[in-house]
PDB file of N, CA and C in Angstrom:
ATOM      1  N   UNK A   1     -24.555 -35.265  59.782  1.00  0.00           N
ATOM      2  CA  UNK A   1     -24.132 -33.896  59.764  1.00  0.00           C
ATOM      3  C   UNK A   1     -22.846 -33.731  58.968  1.00  0.00           C
ATOM      4  N   UNK A   2     -22.032 -34.694  59.044  1.00  0.00           N
ATOM      5  CA  UNK A   2     -20.765 -34.645  58.345  1.00  0.00           C
ATOM      6  C   UNK A   2     -20.974 -34.597  56.821  1.00  0.00           C
ATOM      7  N   UNK A   3     -21.970 -35.301  56.304  1.00  0.00           N
ATOM      8  CA  UNK A   3     -22.261 -35.312  54.869  1.00  0.00           C
ATOM      9  C   UNK A   3     -22.735 -33.945  54.399  1.00  0.00           C
ATOM     10  N   UNK A   4     -23.489 -33.240  55.222  1.00  0.00           N
ATOM     11  CA  UNK A   4     -23.985 -31.903  54.858  1.00  0.00           C
ATOM     12  C   UNK A   4     -22.834 -30.910  54.761  1.00  0.00           C
ATOM     13  N   UNK A   5     -21.898 -30.956  55.652  1.00  0.00           N
ATOM     14  CA  UNK A   5     -20.753 -30.035  55.586  1.00  0.00           C
ATOM     15  C   UNK A   5     -19.878 -30.345  54.376  1.00  0.00           C
ATOM     16  N   UNK A   6     -19.774 -31.619  54.012  1.00  0.00           N
ATOM     17  CA  UNK A   6     -19.000 -31.975  52.822  1.00  0.00           C
ATOM     18  C   UNK A   6     -19.675 -31.427  51.563  1.00  0.00           C
ATOM     19  N   UNK A   7     -20.981 -31.524  51.487  1.00  0.00           N
ATOM     20  CA  UNK A   7     -21.700 -30.987  50.332  1.00  0.00           C
ATOM     21  C   UNK A   7     -21.526 -29.474  50.254  1.00  0.00           C
ATOM     22  N   UNK A   8     -21.606 -28.805  51.380  1.00  0.00           N
ATOM     23  CA  UNK A   8     -21.411 -27.356  51.398  1.00  0.00           C
ATOM     24  C   UNK A   8     -19.992 -26.972  50.976  1.00  0.00           C
ATOM     25  N   UNK A   9     -19.030 -27.744  51.387  1.00  0.00           N
ATOM     26  CA  UNK A   9     -17.655 -27.443  51.010  1.00  0.00           C
ATOM     27  C   UNK A   9     -17.445 -27.662  49.511  1.00  0.00           C
ATOM     28  N   UNK A  10     -18.017 -28.713  48.953  1.00  0.00           N
ATOM     29  CA  UNK A  10     -17.891 -28.947  47.509  1.00  0.00           C
ATOM     30  C   UNK A  10     -18.563 -27.817  46.747  1.00  0.00           C
ATOM     31  N   UNK A  11     -19.737 -27.431  47.199  1.00  0.00           N
ATOM     32  CA  UNK A  11     -20.439 -26.341  46.541  1.00  0.00           C
ATOM     33  C   UNK A  11     -19.611 -25.066  46.654  1.00  0.00           C
ATOM     34  N   UNK A  12     -19.004 -24.818  47.778  1.00  0.00           N
ATOM     35  CA  UNK A  12     -18.203 -23.617  47.963  1.00  0.00           C
ATOM     36  C   UNK A  12     -16.968 -23.662  47.063  1.00  0.00           C
ATOM     37  N   UNK A  13     -16.342 -24.830  46.949  1.00  0.00           N
ATOM     38  CA  UNK A  13     -15.167 -24.962  46.083  1.00  0.00           C
ATOM     39  C   UNK A  13     -15.531 -24.684  44.621  1.00  0.00           C
ATOM     40  N   UNK A  14     -16.629 -25.240  44.170  1.00  0.00           N
ATOM     41  CA  UNK A  14     -17.023 -25.028  42.774  1.00  0.00           C
ATOM     42  C   UNK A  14     -17.355 -23.558  42.527  1.00  0.00           C
ATOM     43  N   UNK A  15     -18.011 -22.915  43.511  1.00  0.00           N
ATOM     44  CA  UNK A  15     -18.288 -21.489  43.354  1.00  0.00           C
ATOM     45  C   UNK A  15     -16.992 -20.686  43.347  1.00  0.00           C
ATOM     46  N   UNK A  16     -16.072 -21.106  44.191  1.00  0.00           N
ATOM     47  CA  UNK A  16     -14.782 -20.414  44.224  1.00  0.00           C
ATOM     48  C   UNK A  16     -14.047 -20.587  42.897  1.00  0.00           C
ATOM     49  N   UNK A  17     -14.045 -21.793  42.357  1.00  0.00           N
ATOM     50  CA  UNK A  17     -13.402 -22.038  41.063  1.00  0.00           C
ATOM     51  C   UNK A  17     -14.088 -21.249  39.954  1.00  0.00           C
ATOM     52  N   UNK A  18     -15.413 -21.215  39.991  1.00  0.00           N
ATOM     53  CA  UNK A  18     -16.147 -20.439  38.989  1.00  0.00           C
ATOM     54  C   UNK A  18     -15.833 -18.954  39.105  1.00  0.00           C
ATOM     55  N   UNK A  19     -15.713 -18.444  40.344  1.00  0.00           N
ATOM     56  CA  UNK A  19     -15.379 -17.037  40.546  1.00  0.00           C
ATOM     57  C   UNK A  19     -13.972 -16.735  40.036  1.00  0.00           C
ATOM     58  N   UNK A  20     -13.021 -17.611  40.301  1.00  0.00           N
ATOM     59  CA  UNK A  20     -11.645 -17.430  39.805  1.00  0.00           C
ATOM     60  C   UNK A  20     -11.633 -17.484  38.280  1.00  0.00           C
ATOM     61  N   UNK A  21     -12.355 -18.433  37.709  1.00  0.00           N
ATOM     62  CA  UNK A  21     -12.422 -18.539  36.253  1.00  0.00           C
ATOM     63  C   UNK A  21     -13.062 -17.288  35.648  1.00  0.00           C
ATOM     64  N   UNK A  22     -14.101 -16.784  36.283  1.00  0.00           N
ATOM     65  CA  UNK A  22     -14.756 -15.569  35.797  1.00  0.00           C
ATOM     66  C   UNK A  22     -13.818 -14.366  35.863  1.00  0.00           C
ATOM     67  N   UNK A  23     -13.098 -14.233  36.973  1.00  0.00           N
ATOM     68  CA  UNK A  23     -12.148 -13.126  37.097  1.00  0.00           C
ATOM     69  C   UNK A  23     -11.008 -13.239  36.089  1.00  0.00           C
ATOM     70  N   UNK A  24     -10.507 -14.458  35.885  1.00  0.00           N
ATOM     71  CA  UNK A  24      -9.447 -14.659  34.879  1.00  0.00           C
ATOM     72  C   UNK A  24      -9.961 -14.342  33.475  1.00  0.00           C
ATOM     73  N   UNK A  25     -11.187 -14.753  33.201  1.00  0.00           N
ATOM     74  CA  UNK A  25     -11.780 -14.464  31.896  1.00  0.00           C
ATOM     75  C   UNK A  25     -11.950 -12.968  31.693  1.00  0.00           C
ATOM     76  N   UNK A  26     -12.454 -12.285  32.723  1.00  0.00           N
ATOM     77  CA  UNK A  26     -12.617 -10.818  32.628  1.00  0.00           C
ATOM     78  C   UNK A  26     -11.265 -10.130  32.466  1.00  0.00           C
ATOM     79  N   UNK A  27     -10.267 -10.585  33.201  1.00  0.00           N
ATOM     80  CA  UNK A  27      -8.921 -10.018  33.064  1.00  0.00           C
ATOM     81  C   UNK A  27      -8.346 -10.255  31.679  1.00  0.00           C
ATOM     82  N   UNK A  28      -8.534 -11.470  31.181  1.00  0.00           N
ATOM     83  CA  UNK A  28      -8.054 -11.781  29.830  1.00  0.00           C
ATOM     84  C   UNK A  28      -8.761 -10.950  28.771  1.00  0.00           C
ATOM     85  N   UNK A  29     -10.074 -10.810  28.906  1.00  0.00           N
ATOM     86  CA  UNK A  29     -10.832 -10.001  27.946  1.00  0.00           C
ATOM     87  C   UNK A  29     -10.435  -8.531  28.017  1.00  0.00           C
ATOM     88  N   UNK A  30     -10.173  -8.030  29.242  1.00  0.00           N
ATOM     89  CA  UNK A  30      -9.719  -6.639  29.378  1.00  0.00           C
ATOM     90  C   UNK A  30      -8.346  -6.461  28.730  1.00  0.00           C
ATOM     91  N   UNK A  31      -7.473  -7.436  28.928  1.00  0.00           N
ATOM     92  CA  UNK A  31      -6.155  -7.393  28.290  1.00  0.00           C
ATOM     93  C   UNK A  31      -6.263  -7.402  26.779  1.00  0.00           C
ATOM     94  N   UNK A  32      -7.120  -8.276  26.246  1.00  0.00           N
ATOM     95  CA  UNK A  32      -7.327  -8.317  24.797  1.00  0.00           C
ATOM     96  C   UNK A  32      -7.928  -7.016  24.284  1.00  0.00           C
ATOM     97  N   UNK A  33      -8.832  -6.425  25.070  1.00  0.00           N
ATOM     98  CA  UNK A  33      -9.442  -5.157  24.663  1.00  0.00           C
ATOM     99  C   UNK A  33      -8.373  -4.074  24.517  1.00  0.00           C
ATOM    100  N   UNK A  34      -7.513  -3.945  25.543  1.00  0.00           N
ATOM    101  CA  UNK A  34      -6.476  -2.923  25.474  1.00  0.00           C
ATOM    102  C   UNK A  34      -5.449  -3.219  24.391  1.00  0.00           C
ATOM    103  N   UNK A  35      -5.164  -4.501  24.153  1.00  0.00           N
ATOM    104  CA  UNK A  35      -4.243  -4.874  23.077  1.00  0.00           C
ATOM    105  C   UNK A  35      -4.809  -4.464  21.721  1.00  0.00           C
ATOM    106  N   UNK A  36      -6.050  -4.825  21.462  1.00  0.00           N
ATOM    107  CA  UNK A  36      -6.650  -4.479  20.170  1.00  0.00           C
ATOM    108  C   UNK A  36      -6.868  -2.982  20.030  1.00  0.00           C
ATOM    109  N   UNK A  37      -7.155  -2.305  21.124  1.00  0.00           N
ATOM    110  CA  UNK A  37      -7.276  -0.849  21.084  1.00  0.00           C
ATOM    111  C   UNK A  37      -5.948  -0.210  20.707  1.00  0.00           C
ATOM    112  N   UNK A  38      -4.861  -0.654  21.307  1.00  0.00           N
ATOM    113  CA  UNK A  38      -3.550  -0.096  20.974  1.00  0.00           C
ATOM    114  C   UNK A  38      -3.159  -0.456  19.540  1.00  0.00           C
ATOM    115  N   UNK A  39      -3.494  -1.670  19.095  1.00  0.00           N
ATOM    116  CA  UNK A  39      -3.175  -2.051  17.716  1.00  0.00           C
ATOM    117  C   UNK A  39      -3.955  -1.199  16.717  1.00  0.00           C
ATOM    118  N   UNK A  40      -5.191  -0.857  17.026  1.00  0.00           N
ATOM    119  CA  UNK A  40      -5.968  -0.022  16.105  1.00  0.00           C
ATOM    120  C   UNK A  40      -5.402   1.391  16.063  1.00  0.00           C
ATOM    121  N   UNK A  41      -4.929   1.905  17.202  1.00  0.00           N
ATOM    122  CA  UNK A  41      -4.308   3.232  17.211  1.00  0.00           C
ATOM    123  C   UNK A  41      -3.013   3.204  16.403  1.00  0.00           C
ATOM    124  N   UNK A  42      -2.222   2.164  16.587  1.00  0.00           N
ATOM    125  CA  UNK A  42      -0.979   2.029  15.823  1.00  0.00           C
ATOM    126  C   UNK A  42      -1.290   1.920  14.333  1.00  0.00           C
ATOM    127  N   UNK A  43      -2.321   1.175  13.984  1.00  0.00           N
ATOM    128  CA  UNK A  43      -2.704   1.026  12.576  1.00  0.00           C
ATOM    129  C   UNK A  43      -3.105   2.375  11.977  1.00  0.00           C
ATOM    130  N   UNK A  44      -3.846   3.178  12.718  1.00  0.00           N
ATOM    131  CA  UNK A  44      -4.262   4.496  12.227  1.00  0.00           C
ATOM    132  C   UNK A  44      -3.042   5.384  12.022  1.00  0.00           C
ATOM    133  N   UNK A  45      -2.094   5.354  12.960  1.00  0.00           N
ATOM    134  CA  UNK A  45      -0.885   6.174  12.835  1.00  0.00           C
ATOM    135  C   UNK A  45      -0.059   5.737  11.626  1.00  0.00           C
ATOM    136  N   UNK A  46       0.115   4.436  11.449  1.00  0.00           N
ATOM    137  CA  UNK A  46       0.871   3.931  10.295  1.00  0.00           C
ATOM    138  C   UNK A  46       0.161   4.292   8.997  1.00  0.00           C
ATOM    139  N   UNK A  47      -1.170   4.206   9.000  1.00  0.00           N
ATOM    140  CA  UNK A  47      -1.949   4.562   7.809  1.00  0.00           C
ATOM    141  C   UNK A  47      -1.755   6.032   7.456  1.00  0.00           C
ATOM    142  N   UNK A  48      -1.759   6.905   8.457  1.00  0.00           N
ATOM    143  CA  UNK A  48      -1.545   8.337   8.210  1.00  0.00           C
ATOM    144  C   UNK A  48      -0.138   8.597   7.672  1.00  0.00           C
ATOM    145  N   UNK A  49       0.864   7.941   8.260  1.00  0.00           N
ATOM    146  CA  UNK A  49       2.235   8.119   7.780  1.00  0.00           C
ATOM    147  C   UNK A  49       2.374   7.631   6.345  1.00  0.00           C
ATOM    148  N   UNK A  50       1.757   6.515   6.034  1.00  0.00           N
ATOM    149  CA  UNK A  50       1.811   5.985   4.673  1.00  0.00           C
ATOM    150  C   UNK A  50       1.107   6.928   3.705  1.00  0.00           C
ATOM    151  N   UNK A  51      -0.007   7.497   4.130  1.00  0.00           N
ATOM    152  CA  UNK A  51      -0.735   8.440   3.287  1.00  0.00           C
ATOM    153  C   UNK A  51       0.115   9.680   3.014  1.00  0.00           C
ATOM    154  N   UNK A  52       0.796  10.194   4.041  1.00  0.00           N
ATOM    155  CA  UNK A  52       1.672  11.349   3.841  1.00  0.00           C
ATOM    156  C   UNK A  52       2.821  11.016   2.894  1.00  0.00           C
ATOM    157  N   UNK A  53       3.396   9.837   3.051  1.00  0.00           N
ATOM    158  CA  UNK A  53       4.498   9.417   2.173  1.00  0.00           C
ATOM    159  C   UNK A  53       4.007   9.276   0.731  1.00  0.00           C
ATOM    160  N   UNK A  54       2.799   8.735   0.559  1.00  0.00           N
ATOM    161  CA  UNK A  54       2.241   8.604  -0.785  1.00  0.00           C
ATOM    162  C   UNK A  54       2.019   9.975  -1.411  1.00  0.00           C
ATOM    163  N   UNK A  55       1.550  10.936  -0.621  1.00  0.00           N
ATOM    164  CA  UNK A  55       1.352  12.291  -1.146  1.00  0.00           C
ATOM    165  C   UNK A  55       2.678  12.925  -1.549  1.00  0.00           C
ATOM    166  N   UNK A  56       3.733  12.688  -0.770  1.00  0.00           N
ATOM    167  CA  UNK A  56       5.054  13.208  -1.136  1.00  0.00           C
ATOM    168  C   UNK A  56       5.531  12.597  -2.453  1.00  0.00           C
ATOM    169  N   UNK A  57       5.362  11.286  -2.580  1.00  0.00           N
ATOM    170  CA  UNK A  57       5.794  10.600  -3.807  1.00  0.00           C
ATOM    171  C   UNK A  57       4.969  11.077  -4.997  1.00  0.00           C
ATOM    172  N   UNK A  58       3.666  11.277  -4.792  1.00  0.00           N
ATOM    173  CA  UNK A  58       2.829  11.802  -5.875  1.00  0.00           C
ATOM    174  C   UNK A  58       3.280  13.193  -6.281  1.00  0.00           C
ATOM    175  N   UNK A  59       3.711  14.013  -5.311  1.00  0.00           N
ATOM    176  CA  UNK A  59       4.230  15.344  -5.627  1.00  0.00           C
ATOM    177  C   UNK A  59       5.504  15.266  -6.444  1.00  0.00           C
ATOM    178  N   UNK A  60       6.392  14.350  -6.076  1.00  0.00           N
ATOM    179  CA  UNK A  60       7.637  14.175  -6.830  1.00  0.00           C
ATOM    180  C   UNK A  60       7.329  13.700  -8.240  1.00  0.00           C
ATOM    181  N   UNK A  61       6.390  12.776  -8.372  1.00  0.00           N
ATOM    182  CA  UNK A  61       6.006  12.280  -9.698  1.00  0.00           C
ATOM    183  C   UNK A  61       5.414  13.411 -10.534  1.00  0.00           C
ATOM    184  N   UNK A  62       4.582  14.245  -9.917  1.00  0.00           N
ATOM    185  CA  UNK A  62       3.987  15.368 -10.651  1.00  0.00           C
ATOM    186  C   UNK A  62       5.063  16.350 -11.104  1.00  0.00           C
ATOM    187  N   UNK A  63       6.062  16.602 -10.259  1.00  0.00           N
ATOM    188  CA  UNK A  63       7.156  17.489 -10.665  1.00  0.00           C
ATOM    189  C   UNK A  63       7.932  16.885 -11.829  1.00  0.00           C
ATOM    190  N   UNK A  64       8.213  15.590 -11.748  1.00  0.00           N
ATOM    191  CA  UNK A  64       8.944  14.933 -12.839  1.00  0.00           C
ATOM    192  C   UNK A  64       8.125  14.945 -14.126  1.00  0.00           C
ATOM    193  N   UNK A  65       6.826  14.748 -14.024  1.00  0.00           N
ATOM    194  CA  UNK A  65       5.977  14.795 -15.208  1.00  0.00           C
ATOM    195  C   UNK A  65       5.964  16.196 -15.812  1.00  0.00           C
ATOM    196  N   UNK A  66       5.938  17.219 -14.966  1.00  0.00           N
ATOM    197  CA  UNK A  66       5.941  18.585 -15.500  1.00  0.00           C
ATOM    198  C   UNK A  66       7.265  18.889 -16.179  1.00  0.00           C
ATOM    199  N   UNK A  67       8.374  18.422 -15.609  1.00  0.00           N
ATOM    200  CA  UNK A  67       9.685  18.613 -16.263  1.00  0.00           C
ATOM    201  C   UNK A  67       9.705  17.872 -17.595  1.00  0.00           C
ATOM    202  N   UNK A  68       9.182  16.652 -17.609  1.00  0.00           N
ATOM    203  CA  UNK A  68       9.135  15.870 -18.843  1.00  0.00           C
ATOM    204  C   UNK A  68       8.298  16.575 -19.904  1.00  0.00           C
ATOM    205  N   UNK A  69       7.115  17.067 -19.516  1.00  0.00           N
ATOM    206  CA  UNK A  69       6.254  17.746 -20.479  1.00  0.00           C
ATOM    207  C   UNK A  69       6.906  19.035 -20.982  1.00  0.00           C
ATOM    208  N   UNK A  70       7.589  19.748 -20.090  1.00  0.00           N
ATOM    209  CA  UNK A  70       8.264  20.971 -20.498  1.00  0.00           C
ATOM    210  C   UNK A  70       9.367  20.665 -21.498  1.00  0.00           C
ATOM    211  N   UNK A  71      10.145  19.638 -21.225  1.00  0.00           N
ATOM    212  CA  UNK A  71      11.220  19.260 -22.156  1.00  0.00           C
ATOM    213  C   UNK A  71      10.643  18.732 -23.460  1.00  0.00           C
ATOM    214  N   UNK A  72       9.530  18.043 -23.380  1.00  0.00           N
ATOM    215  CA  UNK A  72       8.896  17.519 -24.585  1.00  0.00           C
ATOM    216  C   UNK A  72       8.400  18.667 -25.460  1.00  0.00           C
ATOM    217  N   UNK A  73       7.848  19.710 -24.843  1.00  0.00           N
ATOM    218  CA  UNK A  73       7.355  20.844 -25.617  1.00  0.00           C
ATOM    219  C   UNK A  73       8.486  21.723 -26.150  1.00  0.00           C
ATOM    220  N   UNK A  74       9.630  21.652 -25.489  1.00  0.00           N
ATOM    221  CA  UNK A  74      10.766  22.425 -25.982  1.00  0.00           C
ATOM    222  C   UNK A  74      11.344  21.842 -27.261  1.00  0.00           C
ATOM    223  N   UNK A  75      11.073  20.562 -27.514  1.00  0.00           N
ATOM    224  CA  UNK A  75      11.519  19.968 -28.770  1.00  0.00           C
ATOM    225  C   UNK A  75      10.610  20.482 -29.881  1.00  0.00           C
ATOM    226  N   UNK A  76      11.167  21.158 -30.811  1.00  0.00           N
ATOM    227  CA  UNK A  76      10.361  21.719 -31.885  1.00  0.00           C
ATOM    228  C   UNK A  76      11.094  21.559 -33.207  1.00  0.00           C
ATOM    229  N   UNK A  77      10.445  22.029 -34.244  1.00  0.00           N
ATOM    230  CA  UNK A  77      11.047  21.952 -35.577  1.00  0.00           C
ATOM    231  C   UNK A  77      12.311  22.793 -35.644  1.00  0.00           C
ATOM    232  N   UNK A  78      12.314  23.933 -34.964  1.00  0.00           N
ATOM    233  CA  UNK A  78      13.512  24.769 -34.968  1.00  0.00           C
ATOM    234  C   UNK A  78      14.700  24.034 -34.355  1.00  0.00           C
ATOM    235  N   UNK A  79      14.473  23.339 -33.277  1.00  0.00           N
ATOM    236  CA  UNK A  79      15.547  22.584 -32.638  1.00  0.00           C
ATOM    237  C   UNK A  79      16.018  21.456 -33.550  1.00  0.00           C
ATOM    238  N   UNK A  80      15.073  20.787 -34.193  1.00  0.00           N
ATOM    239  CA  UNK A  80      15.441  19.714 -35.117  1.00  0.00           C
ATOM    240  C   UNK A  80      16.251  20.269 -36.288  1.00  0.00           C
ATOM    241  N   UNK A  81      15.864  21.409 -36.827  1.00  0.00           N
ATOM    242  CA  UNK A  81      16.611  22.004 -37.939  1.00  0.00           C
ATOM    243  C   UNK A  81      17.986  22.464 -37.490  1.00  0.00           C
ATOM    244  N   UNK A  82      18.114  22.903 -36.250  1.00  0.00           N
ATOM    245  CA  UNK A  82      19.430  23.319 -35.770  1.00  0.00           C
ATOM    246  C   UNK A  82      20.380  22.136 -35.639  1.00  0.00           C
ATOM    247  N   UNK A  83      19.863  20.945 -35.553  1.00  0.00           N
ATOM    248  CA  UNK A  83      20.695  19.747 -35.493  1.00  0.00           C
ATOM    249  C   UNK A  83      20.923  19.136 -36.878  1.00  0.00           C
ATOM    250  N   UNK A  84      20.459  19.804 -37.901  1.00  0.00           N
ATOM    251  CA  UNK A  84      20.723  19.340 -39.257  1.00  0.00           C
ATOM    252  C   UNK A  84      19.605  18.568 -39.906  1.00  0.00           C
ATOM    253  N   UNK A  85      18.477  18.438 -39.269  1.00  0.00           N
ATOM    254  CA  UNK A  85      17.341  17.749 -39.873  1.00  0.00           C
ATOM    255  C   UNK A  85      16.608  18.715 -40.804  1.00  0.00           C
ATOM    256  N   UNK A  86      15.997  18.167 -41.851  1.00  0.00           N
ATOM    257  CA  UNK A  86      15.282  18.980 -42.829  1.00  0.00           C
ATOM    258  C   UNK A  86      13.818  18.539 -42.851  1.00  0.00           C
ATOM    259  N   UNK A  87      12.935  19.517 -42.882  1.00  0.00           N
ATOM    260  CA  UNK A  87      11.510  19.217 -42.991  1.00  0.00           C
ATOM    261  C   UNK A  87      11.173  18.965 -44.453  1.00  0.00           C
ATOM    262  N   UNK A  88      10.462  17.882 -44.726  1.00  0.00           N
ATOM    263  CA  UNK A  88      10.077  17.564 -46.100  1.00  0.00           C
ATOM    264  C   UNK A  88       8.577  17.353 -46.158  1.00  0.00           C
ATOM    265  N   UNK A  89       8.028  17.573 -47.347  1.00  0.00           N
ATOM    266  CA  UNK A  89       6.611  17.311 -47.559  1.00  0.00           C
ATOM    267  C   UNK A  89       6.392  15.895 -48.072  1.00  0.00           C
ATOM    268  N   UNK A  90       7.415  15.339 -48.682  1.00  0.00           N
ATOM    269  CA  UNK A  90       7.302  14.006 -49.262  1.00  0.00           C
ATOM    270  C   UNK A  90       7.665  12.963 -48.203  1.00  0.00           C
ATOM    271  N   UNK A  91       6.803  11.963 -48.044  1.00  0.00           N
ATOM    272  CA  UNK A  91       7.059  10.898 -47.082  1.00  0.00           C
ATOM    273  C   UNK A  91       7.647   9.706 -47.802  1.00  0.00           C
ATOM    274  N   UNK A  92       8.638   9.102 -47.199  1.00  0.00           N
ATOM    275  CA  UNK A  92       9.306   7.943 -47.789  1.00  0.00           C
ATOM    276  C   UNK A  92       9.022   6.744 -46.886  1.00  0.00           C
ATOM    277  N   UNK A  93       8.498   5.668 -47.501  1.00  0.00           N
ATOM    278  CA  UNK A  93       8.211   4.458 -46.754  1.00  0.00           C
ATOM    279  C   UNK A  93       9.104   3.345 -47.265  1.00  0.00           C
ATOM    280  N   UNK A  94       9.419   2.417 -46.411  1.00  0.00           N
ATOM    281  CA  UNK A  94      10.243   1.277 -46.811  1.00  0.00           C
ATOM    282  C   UNK A  94       9.314   0.169 -47.279  1.00  0.00           C
ATOM    283  N   UNK A  95       9.645  -0.396 -48.433  1.00  0.00           N
ATOM    284  CA  UNK A  95       8.873  -1.498 -48.992  1.00  0.00           C
ATOM    285  C   UNK A  95       9.575  -2.799 -48.631  1.00  0.00           C
ATOM    286  N   UNK A  96       8.870  -3.758 -48.100  1.00  0.00           N
ATOM    287  CA  UNK A  96       9.487  -5.002 -47.675  1.00  0.00           C
ATOM    288  C   UNK A  96       9.306  -6.123 -48.716  1.00  0.00           C
ATOM    289  N   UNK A  97       8.931  -5.784 -49.892  1.00  0.00           N
ATOM    290  CA  UNK A  97       8.776  -6.836 -50.904  1.00  0.00           C
ATOM    291  C   UNK A  97      10.159  -7.311 -51.342  1.00  0.00           C
ATOM    292  N   UNK A  98      10.192  -8.425 -52.073  1.00  0.00           N
ATOM    293  CA  UNK A  98      11.461  -9.026 -52.487  1.00  0.00           C
ATOM    294  C   UNK A  98      12.230  -8.135 -53.477  1.00  0.00           C
ATOM    295  N   UNK A  99      11.520  -7.282 -54.180  1.00  0.00           N
ATOM    296  CA  UNK A  99      12.177  -6.435 -55.178  1.00  0.00           C
ATOM    297  C   UNK A  99      12.744  -5.157 -54.570  1.00  0.00           C
ATOM    298  N   UNK A 100      12.510  -4.967 -53.319  1.00  0.00           N
ATOM    299  CA  UNK A 100      12.986  -3.746 -52.655  1.00  0.00           C
ATOM    300  C   UNK A 100      14.494  -3.801 -52.495  1.00  0.00           C
ATOM    301  N   UNK A 101      15.137  -2.682 -52.670  1.00  0.00           N
ATOM    302  CA  UNK A 101      16.588  -2.597 -52.543  1.00  0.00           C
ATOM    303  C   UNK A 101      17.006  -2.809 -51.091  1.00  0.00           C
ATOM    304  N   UNK A 102      16.184  -2.389 -50.185  1.00  0.00           N
ATOM    305  CA  UNK A 102      16.538  -2.463 -48.779  1.00  0.00           C
ATOM    306  C   UNK A 102      16.608  -3.913 -48.299  1.00  0.00           C
ATOM    307  N   UNK A 103      15.715  -4.763 -48.802  1.00  0.00           N
ATOM    308  CA  UNK A 103      15.655  -6.145 -48.295  1.00  0.00           C
ATOM    309  C   UNK A 103      16.345  -7.142 -49.210  1.00  0.00           C
ATOM    310  N   UNK A 104      16.933  -6.707 -50.320  1.00  0.00           N
ATOM    311  CA  UNK A 104      17.618  -7.663 -51.210  1.00  0.00           C
ATOM    312  C   UNK A 104      18.939  -8.096 -50.593  1.00  0.00           C
ATOM    313  N   UNK A 105      19.278  -9.350 -50.846  1.00  0.00           N
ATOM    314  CA  UNK A 105      20.555  -9.861 -50.319  1.00  0.00           C
ATOM    315  C   UNK A 105      21.394 -10.429 -51.414  1.00  0.00           C
TER     316      UNK A 105
END
């Protein structure tokens, strides 16, 4: 009779250990679930903030480009002539041959 009670106690201990292991595993998995859930929410929030910041920077870049284009279009022949430049029809090119005055030494 004593051997039967020992077998029952061993079986009960192993079931108890398995139950504790199962509960610890379920608790750990629940903890990991909530951790990853919170990390995904944080990731979405950071992604939205980054997207808003990128849109702001794109707006600033677009404003700077429009100012640049406006200033570029304001440069005209009239402005160049007011600074003393003269419009010519004849184009002058520099010759790099040895007989050229520009490259002779």
